[in-house]
Amino acid sequence: MTFEKKIADVFRLTDENWMRHANPLSVWTRYSVLPLIIMAFWSRLWIGWWCLLPGTLSILWMFLNPIVFKAPKTTKNWASKAVLGERVYLNRDNIPLPAHHNTPLYTILNGISSVGFLLAVWSTVYFSVWGAISGIAMAYLGKSWFLDRMVWLYEDMKNLNQTYQNWEY
């Protein structure tokens, strides 16, 4: 089982929940998670331990976001295809990816996103505004580029595999 599959299991991404997460509202509002978490814990400067309340709510939002929206009316949009591509990528142990998608780029992009996340967290601990902004930007640059590659992967795989053709409507 891939590391990414384990993460999907933490978020309880069943077949139904993957389709809920494929709702563009889920994808675009997911971009609010990191800034909300950073702001919540930054607020310890002003509200002390009460920062745990918005911190807890923002982390709860991170876990609920993929499942609170309905399945989209159509998956023929960039955001839905990005999520479906992530699902294809997680299934690479069962259905191999085409050779041109077997690249370290996905790992590099996830690494960039992770370093950005860690920079944002470190900057929050030490109250570095520019560090937090840079970290969030770096995390979202890596993630957005990764999602764009997932759209390409999905487009390629749906043409090669009947299983994936059934996901688009």
C-alpha atoms as a PDB file:
ATOM      1  CA  MET A   1       0.000   0.000   0.000  1.00  0.00           C
ATOM      2  CA  THR A   2       1.400   3.391  -1.007  1.00  0.00           C
ATOM      3  CA  PHE A   3       1.955   6.192   1.488  1.00  0.00           C
ATOM      4  CA  GLU A   4      -0.634   8.286  -0.329  1.00  0.00           C
ATOM      5  CA  LYS A   5      -3.195   5.471  -0.021  1.00  0.00           C
ATOM      6  CA  LYS A   6      -2.631   5.403   3.736  1.00  0.00           C
ATOM      7  CA  ILE A   7      -3.297   9.143   3.892  1.00  0.00           C
ATOM      8  CA  ALA A   8      -6.497   8.694   1.866  1.00  0.00           C
ATOM      9  CA  ASP A   9      -7.588   6.057   4.379  1.00  0.00           C
ATOM     10  CA  VAL A  10      -7.044   8.530   7.248  1.00  0.00           C
ATOM     11  CA  PHE A  11      -9.460  10.887   5.484  1.00  0.00           C
ATOM     12  CA  ARG A  12     -11.914   7.996   4.968  1.00  0.00           C
ATOM     13  CA  LEU A  13     -11.965   8.394   1.189  1.00  0.00           C
ATOM     14  CA  THR A  14     -14.315   5.624   0.150  1.00  0.00           C
ATOM     15  CA  ASP A  15     -15.634   5.454  -3.441  1.00  0.00           C
ATOM     16  CA  GLU A  16     -18.542   7.706  -2.461  1.00  0.00           C
ATOM     17  CA  ASN A  17     -16.308  10.139  -0.568  1.00  0.00           C
ATOM     18  CA  TRP A  18     -13.844  10.369  -3.460  1.00  0.00           C
ATOM     19  CA  MET A  19     -16.731  11.552  -5.639  1.00  0.00           C
ATOM     20  CA  ARG A  20     -17.765  14.077  -2.996  1.00  0.00           C
ATOM     21  CA  HIS A  21     -14.184  15.328  -2.881  1.00  0.00           C
ATOM     22  CA  ALA A  22     -14.258  15.612  -6.696  1.00  0.00           C
ATOM     23  CA  ASN A  23     -16.772  18.444  -6.274  1.00  0.00           C
ATOM     24  CA  PRO A  24     -14.954  21.626  -7.360  1.00  0.00           C
ATOM     25  CA  LEU A  25     -16.203  23.362  -4.203  1.00  0.00           C
ATOM     26  CA  SER A  26     -14.337  20.781  -2.154  1.00  0.00           C
ATOM     27  CA  VAL A  27     -11.161  21.268  -4.172  1.00  0.00           C
ATOM     28  CA  TRP A  28     -11.171  25.063  -4.119  1.00  0.00           C
ATOM     29  CA  THR A  29     -12.214  25.429  -0.465  1.00  0.00           C
ATOM     30  CA  ARG A  30      -9.488  22.940   0.475  1.00  0.00           C
ATOM     31  CA  TYR A  31      -7.045  25.741  -0.329  1.00  0.00           C
ATOM     32  CA  SER A  32      -8.383  27.524   2.767  1.00  0.00           C
ATOM     33  CA  VAL A  33      -7.096  24.826   5.141  1.00  0.00           C
ATOM     34  CA  LEU A  34      -3.432  25.807   5.565  1.00  0.00           C
ATOM     35  CA  PRO A  35      -4.015  29.564   5.965  1.00  0.00           C
ATOM     36  CA  LEU A  36      -6.783  28.848   8.505  1.00  0.00           C
ATOM     37  CA  ILE A  37      -4.526  26.559  10.526  1.00  0.00           C
ATOM     38  CA  ILE A  38      -1.667  29.083  10.413  1.00  0.00           C
ATOM     39  CA  MET A  39      -3.914  31.994  11.427  1.00  0.00           C
ATOM     40  CA  ALA A  40      -5.529  29.959  14.193  1.00  0.00           C
ATOM     41  CA  PHE A  41      -2.232  29.080  15.835  1.00  0.00           C
ATOM     42  CA  TRP A  42      -0.761  32.513  15.144  1.00  0.00           C
ATOM     43  CA  SER A  43      -3.630  33.932  17.184  1.00  0.00           C
ATOM     44  CA  ARG A  44      -1.988  32.538  20.333  1.00  0.00           C
ATOM     45  CA  LEU A  45      -0.202  35.895  20.388  1.00  0.00           C
ATOM     46  CA  TRP A  46      -3.521  37.643  21.060  1.00  0.00           C
ATOM     47  CA  ILE A  47      -5.789  35.062  22.658  1.00  0.00           C
ATOM     48  CA  GLY A  48      -3.355  32.669  24.317  1.00  0.00           C
ATOM     49  CA  TRP A  49      -4.581  29.122  24.839  1.00  0.00           C
ATOM     50  CA  TRP A  50      -7.940  30.047  23.298  1.00  0.00           C
ATOM     51  CA  CYS A  51      -6.135  29.635  19.966  1.00  0.00           C
ATOM     52  CA  LEU A  52      -6.794  25.917  20.394  1.00  0.00           C
ATOM     53  CA  LEU A  53     -10.481  26.529  19.596  1.00  0.00           C
ATOM     54  CA  PRO A  54      -9.949  27.968  16.091  1.00  0.00           C
ATOM     55  CA  GLY A  55      -7.004  25.583  15.683  1.00  0.00           C
ATOM     56  CA  THR A  56      -9.205  22.589  16.395  1.00  0.00           C
ATOM     57  CA  LEU A  57     -11.949  23.911  14.112  1.00  0.00           C
ATOM     58  CA  SER A  58      -9.485  24.455  11.249  1.00  0.00           C
ATOM     59  CA  ILE A  59      -8.060  20.948  11.635  1.00  0.00           C
ATOM     60  CA  LEU A  60     -11.615  19.576  11.785  1.00  0.00           C
ATOM     61  CA  TRP A  61     -12.323  21.455   8.536  1.00  0.00           C
ATOM     62  CA  MET A  62      -9.285  19.739   6.986  1.00  0.00           C
ATOM     63  CA  PHE A  63     -10.825  16.321   7.713  1.00  0.00           C
ATOM     64  CA  LEU A  64     -14.426  17.225   6.877  1.00  0.00           C
ATOM     65  CA  ASN A  65     -13.777  19.184   3.692  1.00  0.00           C
ATOM     66  CA  PRO A  66     -13.403  16.147   1.392  1.00  0.00           C
ATOM     67  CA  ILE A  67     -16.761  14.720   2.461  1.00  0.00           C
ATOM     68  CA  VAL A  68     -19.135  17.612   3.232  1.00  0.00           C
ATOM     69  CA  PHE A  69     -19.988  18.432  -0.367  1.00  0.00           C
ATOM     70  CA  LYS A  70     -22.264  16.454  -2.670  1.00  0.00           C
ATOM     71  CA  ALA A  71     -20.847  14.581  -5.639  1.00  0.00           C
ATOM     72  CA  PRO A  72     -20.477  17.029  -8.539  1.00  0.00           C
ATOM     73  CA  LYS A  73     -23.078  17.244 -11.291  1.00  0.00           C
ATOM     74  CA  THR A  74     -20.246  16.746 -13.748  1.00  0.00           C
ATOM     75  CA  THR A  75     -16.603  15.752 -13.475  1.00  0.00           C
ATOM     76  CA  LYS A  76     -15.671  17.457 -16.747  1.00  0.00           C
ATOM     77  CA  ASN A  77     -13.714  20.251 -15.062  1.00  0.00           C
ATOM     78  CA  TRP A  78     -10.121  20.748 -13.940  1.00  0.00           C
ATOM     79  CA  ALA A  79     -10.776  20.404 -10.196  1.00  0.00           C
ATOM     80  CA  SER A  80     -12.743  17.158 -10.485  1.00  0.00           C
ATOM     81  CA  LYS A  81     -10.211  15.664 -12.866  1.00  0.00           C
ATOM     82  CA  ALA A  82      -7.405  16.595 -10.445  1.00  0.00           C
ATOM     83  CA  VAL A  83      -9.080  14.589  -7.681  1.00  0.00           C
ATOM     84  CA  LEU A  84      -9.836  11.682 -10.000  1.00  0.00           C
ATOM     85  CA  GLY A  85      -6.201  11.770 -11.121  1.00  0.00           C
ATOM     86  CA  GLU A  86      -5.086  11.541  -7.503  1.00  0.00           C
ATOM     87  CA  ARG A  87      -7.283   8.499  -7.174  1.00  0.00           C
ATOM     88  CA  VAL A  88      -5.705   6.943 -10.279  1.00  0.00           C
ATOM     89  CA  TYR A  89      -2.259   7.714  -8.864  1.00  0.00           C
ATOM     90  CA  LEU A  90      -3.128   6.020  -5.562  1.00  0.00           C
ATOM     91  CA  ASN A  91      -4.232   2.934  -7.490  1.00  0.00           C
ATOM     92  CA  ARG A  92      -0.889   2.583  -9.314  1.00  0.00           C
ATOM     93  CA  ASP A  93      -0.119  -0.638  -7.395  1.00  0.00           C
ATOM     94  CA  ASN A  94      -3.143  -2.280  -9.037  1.00  0.00           C
ATOM     95  CA  ILE A  95      -3.180  -0.592 -12.437  1.00  0.00           C
ATOM     96  CA  PRO A  96       0.272   0.494 -13.641  1.00  0.00           C
ATOM     97  CA  LEU A  97       0.791   4.019 -14.924  1.00  0.00           C
ATOM     98  CA  PRO A  98       1.984   4.675 -18.483  1.00  0.00           C
ATOM     99  CA  ALA A  99       5.766   4.921 -18.760  1.00  0.00           C
ATOM    100  CA  HIS A 100       5.756   8.699 -19.303  1.00  0.00           C
ATOM    101  CA  HIS A 101       4.000   9.115 -15.933  1.00  0.00           C
ATOM    102  CA  ASN A 102       6.599   7.040 -14.064  1.00  0.00           C
ATOM    103  CA  THR A 103       8.652  10.047 -13.143  1.00  0.00           C
ATOM    104  CA  PRO A 104      10.099  11.469  -9.921  1.00  0.00           C
ATOM    105  CA  LEU A 105       8.240  14.722 -10.627  1.00  0.00           C
ATOM    106  CA  TYR A 106       5.265  13.718  -8.463  1.00  0.00           C
ATOM    107  CA  THR A 107       7.561  13.024  -5.519  1.00  0.00           C
ATOM    108  CA  ILE A 108       9.440  16.274  -6.112  1.00  0.00           C
ATOM    109  CA  LEU A 109       6.218  18.290  -6.220  1.00  0.00           C
ATOM    110  CA  ASN A 110       4.937  16.647  -3.042  1.00  0.00           C
ATOM    111  CA  GLY A 111       8.337  17.392  -1.494  1.00  0.00           C
ATOM    112  CA  ILE A 112       8.085  21.070  -2.446  1.00  0.00           C
ATOM    113  CA  SER A 113       4.614  21.200  -0.946  1.00  0.00           C
ATOM    114  CA  SER A 114       5.795  19.476   2.240  1.00  0.00           C
ATOM    115  CA  VAL A 115       8.776  21.801   2.651  1.00  0.00           C
ATOM    116  CA  GLY A 116       6.437  24.762   2.198  1.00  0.00           C
ATOM    117  CA  PHE A 117       4.101  23.348   4.833  1.00  0.00           C
ATOM    118  CA  LEU A 118       6.993  22.846   7.275  1.00  0.00           C
ATOM    119  CA  LEU A 119       8.252  26.381   6.597  1.00  0.00           C
ATOM    120  CA  ALA A 120       4.769  27.759   7.287  1.00  0.00           C
ATOM    121  CA  VAL A 121       4.538  25.800  10.555  1.00  0.00           C
ATOM    122  CA  TRP A 122       8.060  26.838  11.642  1.00  0.00           C
ATOM    123  CA  SER A 123       7.219  30.454  10.779  1.00  0.00           C
ATOM    124  CA  THR A 124       4.066  30.272  12.859  1.00  0.00           C
ATOM    125  CA  VAL A 125       6.008  29.011  15.867  1.00  0.00           C
ATOM    126  CA  TYR A 126       8.509  31.887  15.520  1.00  0.00           C
ATOM    127  CA  PHE A 127       6.057  34.548  14.254  1.00  0.00           C
ATOM    128  CA  SER A 128       7.751  35.119  10.902  1.00  0.00           C
ATOM    129  CA  VAL A 129       5.129  36.713   8.665  1.00  0.00           C
ATOM    130  CA  TRP A 130       7.203  36.431   5.483  1.00  0.00           C
ATOM    131  CA  GLY A 131       8.180  32.879   6.312  1.00  0.00           C
ATOM    132  CA  ALA A 132       4.530  31.913   6.773  1.00  0.00           C
ATOM    133  CA  ILE A 133       3.497  33.620   3.538  1.00  0.00           C
ATOM    134  CA  SER A 134       6.420  32.045   1.662  1.00  0.00           C
ATOM    135  CA  GLY A 135       5.669  28.617   3.146  1.00  0.00           C
ATOM    136  CA  ILE A 136       1.999  28.768   2.215  1.00  0.00           C
ATOM    137  CA  ALA A 137       2.873  29.950  -1.303  1.00  0.00           C
ATOM    138  CA  MET A 138       5.451  27.179  -1.684  1.00  0.00           C
ATOM    139  CA  ALA A 139       3.033  24.542  -0.375  1.00  0.00           C
ATOM    140  CA  TYR A 140       0.312  25.654  -2.761  1.00  0.00           C
ATOM    141  CA  LEU A 141       2.642  26.007  -5.742  1.00  0.00           C
ATOM    142  CA  GLY A 142       3.815  22.418  -5.274  1.00  0.00           C
ATOM    143  CA  LYS A 143       0.297  21.126  -4.657  1.00  0.00           C
ATOM    144  CA  SER A 144      -1.254  23.008  -7.574  1.00  0.00           C
ATOM    145  CA  TRP A 145       1.398  21.804  -9.996  1.00  0.00           C
ATOM    146  CA  PHE A 146       0.940  18.271  -8.660  1.00  0.00           C
ATOM    147  CA  LEU A 147      -2.838  18.537  -9.194  1.00  0.00           C
ATOM    148  CA  ASP A 148      -2.283  19.783 -12.724  1.00  0.00           C
ATOM    149  CA  ARG A 149      -0.170  16.687 -13.429  1.00  0.00           C
ATOM    150  CA  MET A 150      -2.974  14.575 -11.924  1.00  0.00           C
ATOM    151  CA  VAL A 151      -5.392  16.009 -14.504  1.00  0.00           C
ATOM    152  CA  TRP A 152      -2.997  14.916 -17.257  1.00  0.00           C
ATOM    153  CA  LEU A 153      -2.629  11.478 -15.652  1.00  0.00           C
ATOM    154  CA  TYR A 154      -6.401  11.082 -15.396  1.00  0.00           C
ATOM    155  CA  GLU A 155      -6.924  12.121 -19.009  1.00  0.00           C
ATOM    156  CA  ASP A 156      -4.354   9.582 -20.176  1.00  0.00           C
ATOM    157  CA  MET A 157      -5.627   6.767 -17.965  1.00  0.00           C
ATOM    158  CA  LYS A 158      -9.325   7.177 -18.709  1.00  0.00           C
ATOM    159  CA  ASN A 159      -8.498   6.584 -22.365  1.00  0.00           C
ATOM    160  CA  LEU A 160      -6.523   3.431 -21.499  1.00  0.00           C
ATOM    161  CA  ASN A 161      -8.680   1.794 -18.843  1.00  0.00           C
ATOM    162  CA  GLN A 162     -12.427   1.099 -18.761  1.00  0.00           C
ATOM    163  CA  THR A 163     -12.534   1.464 -14.953  1.00  0.00           C
ATOM    164  CA  TYR A 164     -11.549   5.115 -15.176  1.00  0.00           C
ATOM    165  CA  GLN A 165     -13.873   5.897 -18.085  1.00  0.00           C
ATOM    166  CA  ASN A 166     -16.826   5.249 -15.791  1.00  0.00           C
ATOM    167  CA  TRP A 167     -15.761   8.005 -13.404  1.00  0.00           C
ATOM    168  CA  GLU A 168     -16.404  10.828 -15.829  1.00  0.00           C
ATOM    169  CA  TYR A 169     -19.919  12.134 -16.245  1.00  0.00           C
END
